[in-house]
N, C-alpha and C. Protein backbone atom coordinates (compact mmCIF):
# COMPACT_ATOMS: atom_id res chain seq x y z
N MET A 1 85.64 151.28 76.40
CA MET A 1 85.25 150.41 77.52
C MET A 1 86.49 149.65 78.00
N ASN A 2 86.81 149.79 79.26
CA ASN A 2 88.01 149.12 79.76
C ASN A 2 87.73 147.66 80.14
N ALA A 3 88.79 146.94 80.47
CA ALA A 3 88.68 145.51 80.75
C ALA A 3 87.79 145.22 81.96
N GLU A 4 87.88 146.07 82.99
CA GLU A 4 87.06 145.86 84.19
C GLU A 4 85.58 145.91 83.88
N ALA A 5 85.18 146.85 83.07
CA ALA A 5 83.76 146.99 82.71
C ALA A 5 83.28 145.80 81.91
N ILE A 6 84.13 145.28 81.05
CA ILE A 6 83.76 144.10 80.25
C ILE A 6 83.57 142.89 81.17
N ILE A 7 84.50 142.72 82.10
CA ILE A 7 84.41 141.59 83.04
C ILE A 7 83.15 141.71 83.88
N ARG A 8 82.87 142.91 84.39
CA ARG A 8 81.67 143.13 85.22
C ARG A 8 80.40 142.84 84.44
N SER A 9 80.35 143.21 83.18
CA SER A 9 79.14 142.98 82.38
C SER A 9 78.92 141.49 82.13
N ILE A 10 80.01 140.74 81.95
CA ILE A 10 79.89 139.29 81.76
C ILE A 10 79.47 138.62 83.06
N GLU A 11 80.05 139.06 84.19
CA GLU A 11 79.69 138.49 85.49
C GLU A 11 78.24 138.77 85.84
N ALA A 12 77.74 139.94 85.46
CA ALA A 12 76.36 140.33 85.79
C ALA A 12 75.33 139.35 85.23
N GLU A 13 75.66 138.71 84.12
CA GLU A 13 74.73 137.74 83.52
C GLU A 13 74.58 136.49 84.40
N HIS A 14 75.63 136.15 85.14
CA HIS A 14 75.64 134.89 85.89
C HIS A 14 75.31 135.06 87.37
N ILE A 15 75.18 136.28 87.85
CA ILE A 15 74.88 136.51 89.27
C ILE A 15 73.41 136.16 89.54
N LYS A 16 73.19 135.36 90.57
CA LYS A 16 71.83 134.97 90.95
C LYS A 16 71.17 136.11 91.73
N SER A 17 69.90 136.35 91.45
CA SER A 17 69.19 137.43 92.14
C SER A 17 68.27 136.90 93.24
N ASP A 18 68.02 135.59 93.25
CA ASP A 18 67.04 135.03 94.19
C ASP A 18 67.68 134.50 95.48
N LEU A 19 68.93 134.84 95.75
CA LEU A 19 69.59 134.35 96.96
C LEU A 19 69.11 135.12 98.20
N PRO A 20 68.89 134.42 99.33
CA PRO A 20 68.53 135.12 100.56
C PRO A 20 69.75 135.80 101.17
N THR A 21 69.53 136.70 102.12
CA THR A 21 70.64 137.35 102.81
C THR A 21 71.18 136.37 103.84
N ILE A 22 72.43 135.98 103.67
CA ILE A 22 73.05 134.98 104.53
C ILE A 22 74.04 135.68 105.46
N TYR A 23 73.98 135.33 106.74
CA TYR A 23 74.91 135.87 107.72
C TYR A 23 75.71 134.73 108.33
N VAL A 24 76.89 135.04 108.86
CA VAL A 24 77.68 134.04 109.57
C VAL A 24 76.92 133.65 110.84
N GLY A 25 76.86 132.36 111.12
CA GLY A 25 76.13 131.86 112.28
C GLY A 25 74.79 131.26 111.92
N ASP A 26 74.30 131.51 110.71
CA ASP A 26 73.01 130.97 110.29
C ASP A 26 73.11 129.46 110.05
N SER A 27 72.02 128.77 110.36
CA SER A 27 71.90 127.36 109.98
C SER A 27 71.21 127.33 108.63
N VAL A 28 71.87 126.73 107.66
CA VAL A 28 71.34 126.74 106.30
C VAL A 28 71.24 125.32 105.75
N GLU A 29 70.41 125.19 104.72
CA GLU A 29 70.34 123.95 103.95
C GLU A 29 70.65 124.34 102.52
N VAL A 30 71.77 123.83 102.01
CA VAL A 30 72.19 124.13 100.65
C VAL A 30 71.82 122.94 99.77
N GLY A 31 71.05 123.19 98.73
CA GLY A 31 70.71 122.14 97.78
C GLY A 31 71.81 122.05 96.74
N VAL A 32 72.53 120.93 96.73
CA VAL A 32 73.68 120.75 95.84
C VAL A 32 73.28 119.83 94.69
N ARG A 33 73.51 120.30 93.47
CA ARG A 33 73.22 119.47 92.30
C ARG A 33 74.31 118.42 92.14
N ILE A 34 73.88 117.16 92.02
CA ILE A 34 74.82 116.05 91.86
C ILE A 34 74.44 115.28 90.61
N LYS A 35 75.44 115.03 89.76
CA LYS A 35 75.22 114.26 88.54
C LYS A 35 75.69 112.84 88.77
N GLU A 36 74.79 111.89 88.51
CA GLU A 36 75.15 110.47 88.59
C GLU A 36 74.79 109.86 87.25
N GLY A 37 75.80 109.60 86.46
CA GLY A 37 75.55 109.08 85.11
C GLY A 37 74.90 110.17 84.28
N ASN A 38 73.71 109.89 83.77
CA ASN A 38 72.99 110.91 83.00
C ASN A 38 71.85 111.54 83.80
N LYS A 39 71.73 111.13 85.09
CA LYS A 39 70.69 111.69 85.96
C LYS A 39 71.27 112.81 86.80
N GLU A 40 70.40 113.74 87.19
CA GLU A 40 70.81 114.83 88.07
C GLU A 40 69.82 114.93 89.22
N ARG A 41 70.35 115.08 90.43
CA ARG A 41 69.47 115.24 91.58
C ARG A 41 70.02 116.33 92.49
N VAL A 42 69.16 116.80 93.41
CA VAL A 42 69.56 117.83 94.36
C VAL A 42 69.68 117.20 95.74
N GLN A 43 70.89 117.27 96.31
CA GLN A 43 71.13 116.69 97.62
C GLN A 43 71.27 117.80 98.65
N PRO A 44 70.50 117.74 99.74
CA PRO A 44 70.61 118.79 100.77
C PRO A 44 71.87 118.63 101.61
N TYR A 45 72.48 119.76 101.96
CA TYR A 45 73.65 119.79 102.84
C TYR A 45 73.34 120.80 103.93
N LYS A 46 73.05 120.30 105.15
CA LYS A 46 72.66 121.18 106.26
C LYS A 46 73.87 121.44 107.15
N GLY A 47 73.97 122.69 107.61
CA GLY A 47 75.07 123.02 108.51
C GLY A 47 75.03 124.48 108.91
N THR A 48 76.08 124.90 109.61
CA THR A 48 76.20 126.28 110.10
C THR A 48 77.20 127.03 109.24
N VAL A 49 76.85 128.26 108.86
CA VAL A 49 77.77 129.10 108.09
C VAL A 49 78.83 129.62 109.06
N ILE A 50 80.09 129.23 108.83
CA ILE A 50 81.15 129.68 109.74
C ILE A 50 82.00 130.78 109.10
N ALA A 51 81.87 131.01 107.80
CA ALA A 51 82.66 132.07 107.15
C ALA A 51 81.99 132.49 105.86
N LYS A 52 82.16 133.78 105.56
CA LYS A 52 81.74 134.36 104.28
C LYS A 52 82.93 135.12 103.74
N ARG A 53 83.15 135.04 102.44
CA ARG A 53 84.24 135.81 101.87
C ARG A 53 83.95 136.14 100.41
N GLY A 54 84.70 137.11 99.90
CA GLY A 54 84.55 137.50 98.51
C GLY A 54 83.36 138.42 98.32
N GLY A 55 83.18 138.83 97.09
CA GLY A 55 82.07 139.69 96.76
C GLY A 55 81.68 139.50 95.31
N GLY A 56 80.50 139.90 94.97
CA GLY A 56 80.03 139.75 93.59
C GLY A 56 79.89 138.29 93.22
N ILE A 57 80.42 137.94 92.06
CA ILE A 57 80.28 136.56 91.57
C ILE A 57 81.20 135.60 92.32
N ASN A 58 82.23 136.13 93.00
CA ASN A 58 83.19 135.28 93.71
C ASN A 58 82.82 135.05 95.17
N GLU A 59 81.61 135.40 95.58
CA GLU A 59 81.21 135.28 96.99
C GLU A 59 81.07 133.81 97.37
N THR A 60 81.68 133.43 98.50
CA THR A 60 81.59 132.05 98.97
C THR A 60 81.16 132.01 100.43
N ILE A 61 80.57 130.87 100.81
CA ILE A 61 80.26 130.61 102.22
C ILE A 61 80.87 129.25 102.58
N THR A 62 81.34 129.15 103.82
CA THR A 62 81.85 127.87 104.32
C THR A 62 80.81 127.33 105.29
N VAL A 63 80.32 126.12 105.01
CA VAL A 63 79.28 125.51 105.82
C VAL A 63 79.87 124.30 106.54
N ARG A 64 79.68 124.25 107.86
CA ARG A 64 80.23 123.17 108.68
C ARG A 64 79.11 122.35 109.27
N ARG A 65 79.31 121.03 109.26
CA ARG A 65 78.36 120.13 109.91
C ARG A 65 79.14 118.97 110.51
N ILE A 66 78.48 118.27 111.43
CA ILE A 66 79.09 117.09 112.04
C ILE A 66 78.45 115.88 111.39
N PHE A 67 79.27 115.04 110.76
CA PHE A 67 78.76 113.84 110.10
C PHE A 67 79.46 112.63 110.71
N GLN A 68 78.70 111.76 111.38
CA GLN A 68 79.20 110.56 112.05
C GLN A 68 80.36 110.88 112.98
N GLY A 69 80.20 111.98 113.75
CA GLY A 69 81.19 112.34 114.75
C GLY A 69 82.40 113.08 114.22
N ILE A 70 82.42 113.36 112.92
CA ILE A 70 83.56 114.04 112.31
C ILE A 70 83.07 115.35 111.71
N GLY A 71 83.80 116.44 111.94
CA GLY A 71 83.44 117.74 111.37
C GLY A 71 83.76 117.78 109.89
N VAL A 72 82.77 118.19 109.09
CA VAL A 72 82.94 118.29 107.64
C VAL A 72 82.61 119.72 107.23
N GLU A 73 83.53 120.34 106.51
CA GLU A 73 83.30 121.70 106.02
C GLU A 73 83.31 121.70 104.50
N ARG A 74 82.39 122.47 103.95
CA ARG A 74 82.34 122.62 102.49
C ARG A 74 82.25 124.09 102.15
N VAL A 75 82.97 124.49 101.12
CA VAL A 75 82.94 125.86 100.65
C VAL A 75 82.06 125.89 99.41
N PHE A 76 81.05 126.76 99.42
CA PHE A 76 80.13 126.86 98.29
C PHE A 76 80.29 128.22 97.62
N LEU A 77 80.46 128.21 96.32
CA LEU A 77 80.44 129.43 95.53
C LEU A 77 78.97 129.75 95.31
N LEU A 78 78.48 130.85 95.89
CA LEU A 78 77.05 131.14 95.93
C LEU A 78 76.40 131.21 94.55
N HIS A 79 77.10 131.78 93.58
CA HIS A 79 76.50 132.00 92.27
C HIS A 79 76.80 130.85 91.30
N SER A 80 77.32 129.74 91.81
CA SER A 80 77.66 128.59 90.98
C SER A 80 76.38 127.84 90.59
N PRO A 81 76.37 127.24 89.39
CA PRO A 81 75.20 126.43 89.00
C PRO A 81 75.07 125.15 89.83
N ILE A 82 76.11 124.75 90.54
CA ILE A 82 76.03 123.55 91.39
C ILE A 82 75.10 123.80 92.57
N VAL A 83 75.02 125.04 93.07
CA VAL A 83 74.12 125.39 94.17
C VAL A 83 72.73 125.62 93.60
N ALA A 84 71.82 124.68 93.89
CA ALA A 84 70.46 124.78 93.36
C ALA A 84 69.62 125.76 94.17
N ARG A 85 69.73 125.67 95.51
CA ARG A 85 68.95 126.55 96.37
C ARG A 85 69.64 126.68 97.71
N ILE A 86 69.31 127.75 98.42
CA ILE A 86 69.80 127.94 99.79
C ILE A 86 68.61 128.33 100.64
N LYS A 87 68.37 127.53 101.68
CA LYS A 87 67.24 127.79 102.57
C LYS A 87 67.79 128.06 103.96
N ILE A 88 67.41 129.19 104.55
CA ILE A 88 67.87 129.53 105.89
C ILE A 88 66.90 128.92 106.89
N GLU A 89 67.42 128.05 107.76
CA GLU A 89 66.57 127.36 108.73
C GLU A 89 66.44 128.14 110.01
N ARG A 90 67.53 128.73 110.49
CA ARG A 90 67.46 129.62 111.65
C ARG A 90 68.63 130.58 111.63
N ARG A 91 68.36 131.77 112.18
CA ARG A 91 69.39 132.81 112.23
C ARG A 91 70.23 132.62 113.48
N GLY A 92 71.51 132.87 113.36
CA GLY A 92 72.41 132.73 114.50
C GLY A 92 72.84 134.08 115.04
N LYS A 93 72.96 134.16 116.35
CA LYS A 93 73.40 135.40 116.99
C LYS A 93 74.86 135.22 117.38
N VAL A 94 75.74 135.85 116.60
CA VAL A 94 77.18 135.74 116.85
C VAL A 94 77.80 137.12 116.85
N ARG A 95 79.02 137.21 117.39
CA ARG A 95 79.69 138.50 117.50
C ARG A 95 80.99 138.53 116.70
N ARG A 96 81.18 137.56 115.83
CA ARG A 96 82.41 137.48 115.05
C ARG A 96 82.09 137.29 113.57
N ALA A 97 83.06 137.64 112.74
CA ALA A 97 82.90 137.48 111.30
C ALA A 97 83.24 136.07 110.86
N LYS A 98 84.12 135.41 111.59
CA LYS A 98 84.52 134.03 111.27
C LYS A 98 84.37 133.18 112.52
N LEU A 99 83.76 132.02 112.38
CA LEU A 99 83.49 131.16 113.54
C LEU A 99 84.41 129.93 113.54
N TYR A 100 85.70 130.16 113.25
CA TYR A 100 86.64 129.04 113.18
C TYR A 100 86.83 128.37 114.54
N TYR A 101 86.48 129.07 115.63
CA TYR A 101 86.64 128.47 116.95
C TYR A 101 85.71 127.28 117.15
N LEU A 102 84.68 127.15 116.33
CA LEU A 102 83.76 126.01 116.45
C LEU A 102 84.45 124.69 116.07
N ARG A 103 85.56 124.78 115.36
CA ARG A 103 86.29 123.57 114.97
C ARG A 103 86.85 122.83 116.18
N ASP A 104 87.17 123.59 117.24
CA ASP A 104 87.75 122.98 118.43
C ASP A 104 86.70 122.50 119.42
N ARG A 105 85.45 122.78 119.15
CA ARG A 105 84.39 122.44 120.10
C ARG A 105 83.68 121.15 119.69
N VAL A 106 83.12 120.48 120.71
CA VAL A 106 82.48 119.19 120.47
C VAL A 106 81.09 119.20 121.11
N GLY A 107 80.14 118.56 120.48
CA GLY A 107 78.82 118.36 121.06
C GLY A 107 78.01 119.63 121.21
N LYS A 108 77.42 119.80 122.40
CA LYS A 108 76.53 120.95 122.63
C LYS A 108 77.27 122.28 122.60
N ALA A 109 78.58 122.26 122.77
CA ALA A 109 79.38 123.50 122.77
C ALA A 109 79.40 124.15 121.38
N THR A 110 79.03 123.39 120.35
CA THR A 110 79.04 123.93 118.99
C THR A 110 77.76 124.70 118.65
N ARG A 111 76.81 124.70 119.57
CA ARG A 111 75.55 125.38 119.28
C ARG A 111 75.73 126.89 119.24
N VAL A 112 74.96 127.52 118.35
CA VAL A 112 74.97 128.98 118.21
C VAL A 112 73.61 129.48 118.66
N LYS A 113 73.59 130.55 119.46
CA LYS A 113 72.31 131.10 119.92
C LYS A 113 71.48 131.57 118.75
N GLN A 114 70.16 131.51 118.91
CA GLN A 114 69.26 131.93 117.85
C GLN A 114 69.01 133.43 117.93
N ARG A 115 68.94 134.05 116.75
CA ARG A 115 68.66 135.48 116.68
C ARG A 115 67.25 135.67 116.17
N PHE A 116 66.51 136.56 116.82
CA PHE A 116 65.14 136.83 116.42
C PHE A 116 65.06 138.24 115.86
N GLU A 117 64.39 138.39 114.73
CA GLU A 117 64.22 139.73 114.13
C GLU A 117 63.17 140.50 114.91
N ARG A 118 63.40 141.78 115.05
CA ARG A 118 62.45 142.62 115.80
C ARG A 118 61.26 143.02 114.96
N SER A 119 61.54 143.50 113.75
CA SER A 119 60.43 144.03 112.92
C SER A 119 59.58 142.87 112.42
N LEU A 120 58.27 142.98 112.64
CA LEU A 120 57.36 141.91 112.25
C LEU A 120 57.10 141.90 110.75
N GLY A 121 57.14 143.07 110.14
CA GLY A 121 56.85 143.15 108.71
C GLY A 121 57.98 142.60 107.84
N ASN A 122 59.21 142.65 108.33
CA ASN A 122 60.36 142.23 107.53
C ASN A 122 60.79 140.84 107.95
N LYS A 123 60.04 139.82 107.56
CA LYS A 123 60.37 138.43 107.89
C LYS A 123 61.44 137.95 106.93
N LYS A 124 62.49 137.33 107.48
CA LYS A 124 63.56 136.80 106.63
C LYS A 124 63.54 135.30 106.67
């Protein structure tokens, strides 16, 4: 058994299977686990997915939101124990893999069109 196979088998134990299919442009709510003293709580972080990168256990998404007039971006490692849940609020219709151009936009210009699924049986 080579080193790659050993690494893959260890990673397979930690990969989450309950994650939804996330696309760039989606509006998501990420539940982030926060430890305060000996207590733990889940804090929601709502925003638009502007980038996806990596694969397998190293897959990350960059979520952007506007907080008090300032753009805030956070990179989440999808399979990390810090990410409690990911809920997709609406699908975005975009034509690019990375939405870095949203950084230069302000107000209503940052909106992403909504995408509607055609098949009724396959609700996402």
